[in-house]
Amino acid sequence: MKKEVIKIPANIKYLTERDKFIEEFGKPFELPNGILNKEIPGCGATTVALTDEHKTIICSPRNELLKNKHEQYPDTLLVIGGVDTIEIEAYLQTAELPKILVSYDSVYKLIGCIKYKSDWRVVVDEFQCLLADSSFKSEIELHFLDNSRSFPYVTFLSATPILDKYLEQIVTLLHRAGYVRSIRGAQGGYMLTMPPENYTVGMILRQTEGSLSPVSCLDKDAPPCERAGQCVTLSVWQKIKDAVDQVVDHVTLADLIEEQRCHPNDNLL
């Protein structure tokens, strides 16, 4: 495997700073066909994919982040639970330079709609989830990897986040939901807007991670599935979803704080 280290000068903060990259390297930054270990989140790698001159599919396991990107770039197509192939085909027929934001478990919908995959690029954001996640979603992720192999140009973005930067992204989502409020000043930061016992783990996870359903057909906004009556695994997925909901919706932030007090020397909360 070929490894290349790109040393970015201190005066360049974002990969989208075209003029500075042209001045320094003779060309704008281009996402590689391979793994980009960007190390620092928020450096603009996905924005490069959304603004370059290539037909691009941006994949992420985080539905909320996909929705935020879609709000920033309304000409994109958002493909998550509830979006069918008819909508995808209609978008592909009208978009001059298609840019598609898709969740891992919805990539399969694109495969049959895109005939000529050689002129497309795929960007897999937070691909470390595919390496580290051993939860019940692993089967979905394996199917995702199989589907991505049909595209010849794939960029895997490694998000090995610096903790403070990662927390900034999470807190932004919680602030938008009204769960925390900002305090200005030198000693400022964020405070809860409600008592800790009013927050469940489920509330927080759904704001930061999106749907907790193991399959997209069980998402809240998913349309009725015509094959539900013949799907022998649906009841299994439903039981898994119910079990997860039962746990996360009955554990509060106050419970976690109390448990942390029992481990004062292990501050991991």
Protein backbone atom coordinates (compact mmCIF):
# COMPACT_ATOMS: atom_id res chain seq x y z
CA MET A 1 0.00 0.00 0.00
CA LYS A 2 1.37 3.40 -0.97
CA LYS A 3 1.52 5.91 1.87
CA GLU A 4 1.89 9.63 1.26
CA VAL A 5 2.22 12.33 3.91
CA ILE A 6 0.90 15.75 2.93
CA LYS A 7 2.35 18.52 5.07
CA ILE A 8 -0.14 21.37 5.17
CA PRO A 9 1.38 24.80 5.93
CA ALA A 10 0.20 26.55 9.08
CA ASN A 11 -1.52 29.30 7.07
CA ILE A 12 -3.99 26.76 5.58
CA LYS A 13 -6.76 25.80 7.99
CA TYR A 14 -9.22 24.16 5.61
CA LEU A 15 -8.88 21.81 2.66
CA THR A 16 -11.34 24.02 0.78
CA GLU A 17 -8.95 26.99 0.57
CA ARG A 18 -8.38 26.57 -3.17
CA ASP A 19 -6.24 29.66 -3.77
CA LYS A 20 -3.83 28.82 -0.98
CA PHE A 21 -3.50 25.20 -2.16
CA ILE A 22 -2.86 26.35 -5.73
CA GLU A 23 -0.24 28.78 -4.48
CA GLU A 24 1.45 26.12 -2.33
CA PHE A 25 1.01 22.93 -4.39
CA GLY A 26 0.05 24.17 -7.85
CA LYS A 27 -3.50 22.74 -7.69
CA PRO A 28 -6.54 22.59 -5.38
CA PHE A 29 -6.72 19.81 -2.82
CA GLU A 30 -8.23 16.62 -4.24
CA LEU A 31 -9.58 13.73 -2.22
CA PRO A 32 -7.51 10.57 -2.85
CA ASN A 33 -8.62 7.18 -4.08
CA GLY A 34 -7.86 5.47 -0.80
CA ILE A 35 -7.70 6.42 2.88
CA LEU A 36 -7.34 10.03 4.00
CA ASN A 37 -6.29 10.15 7.65
CA LYS A 38 -7.22 13.76 8.25
CA GLU A 39 -6.64 13.45 12.04
CA ILE A 40 -8.40 16.75 12.80
CA PRO A 41 -12.20 16.86 12.23
CA GLY A 42 -13.81 19.92 10.69
CA CYS A 43 -11.00 20.53 8.20
CA GLY A 44 -13.38 20.59 5.23
CA ALA A 45 -12.87 17.17 3.63
CA THR A 46 -16.58 16.53 3.07
CA THR A 47 -17.00 20.10 1.86
CA VAL A 48 -14.38 19.40 -0.81
CA ALA A 49 -16.53 16.46 -1.94
CA LEU A 50 -19.64 18.65 -2.00
CA THR A 51 -18.06 21.48 -3.99
CA ASP A 52 -15.65 19.83 -6.43
CA GLU A 53 -16.39 19.02 -10.09
CA HIS A 54 -17.11 15.31 -9.65
CA LYS A 55 -20.31 13.35 -9.30
CA THR A 56 -20.10 12.30 -5.70
CA ILE A 57 -21.80 10.10 -3.13
CA ILE A 58 -21.04 11.07 0.48
CA CYS A 59 -21.77 8.26 2.95
CA SER A 60 -22.03 8.63 6.71
CA PRO A 61 -23.41 6.59 9.61
CA ARG A 62 -24.78 9.79 11.21
CA ASN A 63 -28.19 10.79 9.83
CA GLU A 64 -28.22 14.08 11.74
CA LEU A 65 -24.92 15.14 10.20
CA LEU A 66 -26.23 14.22 6.74
CA LYS A 67 -29.33 16.33 7.35
CA ASN A 68 -27.18 19.28 8.45
CA LYS A 69 -25.07 19.03 5.28
CA HIS A 70 -28.24 18.85 3.17
CA GLU A 71 -29.49 22.05 4.80
CA GLN A 72 -26.19 23.74 3.95
CA TYR A 73 -26.23 22.40 0.38
CA PRO A 74 -29.90 22.17 -0.69
CA ASP A 75 -29.00 21.07 -4.23
CA THR A 76 -27.86 17.73 -2.82
CA LEU A 77 -30.09 14.68 -2.53
CA LEU A 78 -30.53 13.26 0.97
CA VAL A 79 -31.04 9.48 0.90
CA ILE A 80 -31.99 8.00 4.26
CA GLY A 81 -34.97 5.97 5.44
CA GLY A 82 -38.12 6.94 3.54
CA VAL A 83 -36.43 7.89 0.26
CA ASP A 84 -37.14 5.46 -2.58
CA THR A 85 -35.52 4.74 -5.95
CA ILE A 86 -38.11 6.83 -7.82
CA GLU A 87 -36.88 9.98 -6.05
CA ILE A 88 -33.26 9.01 -6.69
CA GLU A 89 -33.83 8.44 -10.41
CA ALA A 90 -35.73 11.73 -10.73
CA TYR A 91 -32.84 13.60 -9.10
CA LEU A 92 -30.24 11.92 -11.33
CA GLN A 93 -32.17 12.94 -14.45
CA THR A 94 -32.31 16.62 -13.50
CA ALA A 95 -29.13 17.35 -11.52
CA GLU A 96 -26.30 18.82 -13.61
CA LEU A 97 -23.65 17.72 -11.10
CA PRO A 98 -25.26 15.25 -8.69
CA LYS A 99 -24.14 15.20 -5.08
CA ILE A 100 -25.82 12.56 -2.93
CA LEU A 101 -25.75 12.36 0.87
CA VAL A 102 -26.58 8.83 1.99
CA SER A 103 -26.59 6.76 5.18
CA TYR A 104 -24.65 3.50 5.25
CA ASP A 105 -27.82 1.43 5.29
CA SER A 106 -29.35 3.21 2.26
CA VAL A 107 -26.44 2.92 -0.19
CA TYR A 108 -28.00 -0.19 -1.71
CA LYS A 109 -30.80 2.01 -3.10
CA LEU A 110 -28.28 3.83 -5.31
CA ILE A 111 -26.66 0.77 -6.88
CA GLY A 112 -29.41 0.00 -9.39
CA CYS A 113 -30.04 3.67 -10.17
CA ILE A 114 -26.48 4.51 -11.23
CA LYS A 115 -25.58 2.70 -14.46
CA TYR A 116 -22.13 4.11 -15.20
CA LYS A 117 -20.22 4.06 -11.94
CA SER A 118 -16.81 4.82 -13.48
CA ASP A 119 -17.45 8.57 -13.51
CA TRP A 120 -18.63 8.68 -9.90
CA ARG A 121 -16.68 9.14 -6.69
CA VAL A 122 -17.64 7.85 -3.27
CA VAL A 123 -16.62 9.44 0.03
CA VAL A 124 -17.02 7.31 3.16
CA ASP A 125 -17.04 9.60 6.18
CA GLU A 126 -16.19 8.27 9.67
CA PHE A 127 -15.03 4.99 8.19
CA GLN A 128 -13.47 4.06 11.54
CA CYS A 129 -17.02 3.05 12.51
CA LEU A 130 -16.71 0.20 10.02
CA LEU A 131 -13.56 -0.98 11.78
CA ALA A 132 -14.59 -0.58 15.40
CA ASP A 133 -18.33 -1.17 15.46
CA SER A 134 -19.22 -4.66 16.60
CA SER A 135 -22.86 -3.89 17.37
CA PHE A 136 -25.96 -5.31 15.72
CA LYS A 137 -25.43 -2.95 12.77
CA SER A 138 -22.35 -4.82 11.56
CA GLU A 139 -24.36 -6.79 8.99
CA ILE A 140 -25.61 -3.57 7.44
CA GLU A 141 -22.08 -2.23 7.31
CA LEU A 142 -20.81 -5.38 5.60
CA HIS A 143 -23.48 -4.93 2.90
CA PHE A 144 -22.40 -1.31 2.60
CA LEU A 145 -18.80 -2.34 1.97
CA ASP A 146 -19.92 -4.82 -0.69
CA ASN A 147 -21.92 -2.10 -2.45
CA SER A 148 -19.08 0.43 -2.31
CA ARG A 149 -16.75 -1.98 -4.14
CA SER A 150 -18.72 -1.44 -7.35
CA PHE A 151 -17.31 2.12 -7.53
CA PRO A 152 -13.68 2.43 -8.71
CA TYR A 153 -12.89 5.69 -6.84
CA VAL A 154 -13.58 5.62 -3.09
CA THR A 155 -12.17 7.92 -0.42
CA PHE A 156 -12.29 6.67 3.16
CA LEU A 157 -12.11 9.56 5.62
CA SER A 158 -10.63 8.70 8.98
CA ALA A 159 -12.11 10.73 11.81
CA THR A 160 -9.72 10.14 14.67
CA PRO A 161 -10.94 13.19 16.52
CA ILE A 162 -9.22 15.44 18.97
CA LEU A 163 -11.57 15.28 21.95
CA ASP A 164 -12.27 19.02 22.19
CA LYS A 165 -13.11 19.28 18.48
CA TYR A 166 -15.36 16.20 18.68
CA LEU A 167 -17.19 17.60 21.69
CA GLU A 168 -17.78 20.87 19.84
CA GLN A 169 -19.69 18.97 17.15
CA ILE A 170 -21.78 17.09 19.73
CA VAL A 171 -22.53 20.21 21.79
CA THR A 172 -23.63 22.07 18.65
CA LEU A 173 -26.26 19.40 17.97
CA LEU A 174 -27.43 19.47 21.61
CA HIS A 175 -27.59 23.28 21.53
CA ARG A 176 -29.80 23.22 18.45
CA ALA A 177 -32.13 20.79 20.21
CA GLY A 178 -32.39 23.14 23.20
CA TYR A 179 -30.73 20.68 25.56
CA VAL A 180 -27.88 23.05 26.50
CA ARG A 181 -27.41 26.80 26.49
CA SER A 182 -24.24 28.79 25.94
CA ILE A 183 -22.65 31.08 28.51
CA ARG A 184 -20.50 33.93 27.21
CA GLY A 185 -17.32 35.23 28.76
CA ALA A 186 -13.88 34.04 29.78
CA GLN A 187 -15.38 31.43 32.10
CA GLY A 188 -18.18 30.63 29.69
CA GLY A 189 -19.23 27.34 28.19
CA TYR A 190 -22.44 25.34 28.10
CA MET A 191 -25.03 24.52 30.75
CA LEU A 192 -27.98 22.14 30.79
CA THR A 193 -31.37 23.75 30.24
CA MET A 194 -33.16 21.15 32.39
CA PRO A 195 -32.35 19.07 35.49
CA PRO A 196 -30.21 15.98 34.69
CA GLU A 197 -33.07 13.63 35.55
CA ASN A 198 -35.08 15.10 32.65
CA TYR A 199 -32.59 13.86 30.05
CA THR A 200 -32.61 10.24 28.97
CA VAL A 201 -29.73 8.58 27.16
CA GLY A 202 -32.16 7.97 24.28
CA MET A 203 -32.90 11.69 23.91
CA ILE A 204 -29.21 12.51 23.66
CA LEU A 205 -28.31 9.64 21.33
CA ARG A 206 -31.13 10.41 18.89
CA GLN A 207 -29.99 14.02 18.64
CA THR A 208 -26.32 13.17 18.13
CA GLU A 209 -26.51 9.84 16.29
CA GLY A 210 -29.91 9.96 14.58
CA SER A 211 -32.18 6.94 14.47
CA LEU A 212 -31.31 4.03 16.76
CA SER A 213 -33.27 1.56 14.63
CA PRO A 214 -31.17 -1.42 13.50
CA VAL A 215 -32.74 -1.21 10.01
CA SER A 216 -34.07 1.82 8.14
CA CYS A 217 -37.55 0.35 7.61
CA LEU A 218 -38.18 0.77 11.36
CA ASP A 219 -37.27 4.46 11.32
CA LYS A 220 -39.99 6.82 12.48
CA ASP A 221 -40.25 8.53 9.07
CA ALA A 222 -39.97 5.36 6.97
CA PRO A 223 -42.91 4.63 4.63
CA PRO A 224 -44.79 1.33 4.97
CA CYS A 225 -42.80 -1.52 3.43
CA GLU A 226 -44.72 -3.59 0.90
CA ARG A 227 -42.70 -6.66 1.91
CA ALA A 228 -43.26 -6.33 5.65
CA GLY A 229 -45.83 -9.12 5.69
CA GLN A 230 -43.35 -11.60 4.16
CA CYS A 231 -40.19 -10.42 5.98
CA VAL A 232 -39.28 -13.15 8.47
CA THR A 233 -36.54 -11.03 10.07
CA LEU A 234 -38.69 -7.95 10.71
CA SER A 235 -39.91 -9.25 14.06
CA VAL A 236 -36.31 -9.88 15.12
CA TRP A 237 -35.26 -6.33 14.22
CA GLN A 238 -38.34 -4.98 16.01
CA LYS A 239 -37.44 -6.88 19.20
CA ILE A 240 -33.88 -5.54 19.01
CA LYS A 241 -35.18 -2.00 18.56
CA ASP A 242 -37.61 -2.40 21.47
CA ALA A 243 -34.82 -3.74 23.69
CA VAL A 244 -32.51 -0.84 22.84
CA ASP A 245 -35.28 1.71 23.35
CA GLN A 246 -36.19 0.12 26.68
CA VAL A 247 -32.65 0.65 27.95
CA VAL A 248 -31.77 4.08 26.58
CA ASP A 249 -35.18 5.60 27.35
CA HIS A 250 -35.04 4.54 31.01
CA VAL A 251 -31.50 5.60 31.88
CA THR A 252 -31.15 9.30 32.67
CA LEU A 253 -28.21 11.65 32.77
CA ALA A 254 -28.73 11.80 36.54
CA ASP A 255 -28.29 8.01 36.69
CA LEU A 256 -24.97 8.29 34.88
CA ILE A 257 -23.81 11.12 37.16
CA GLU A 258 -24.66 9.05 40.23
CA GLU A 259 -22.83 6.03 38.82
CA GLN A 260 -19.81 8.22 38.08
CA ARG A 261 -19.71 9.29 41.74
CA CYS A 262 -19.13 5.64 42.61
CA HIS A 263 -15.93 5.75 40.52
CA PRO A 264 -14.34 9.12 41.44
CA ASN A 265 -10.91 8.08 40.17
CA ASP A 266 -12.18 6.98 36.75
CA ASN A 267 -13.49 10.17 35.19
CA LEU A 268 -14.73 8.87 31.83
CA LEU A 269 -18.18 10.47 31.84
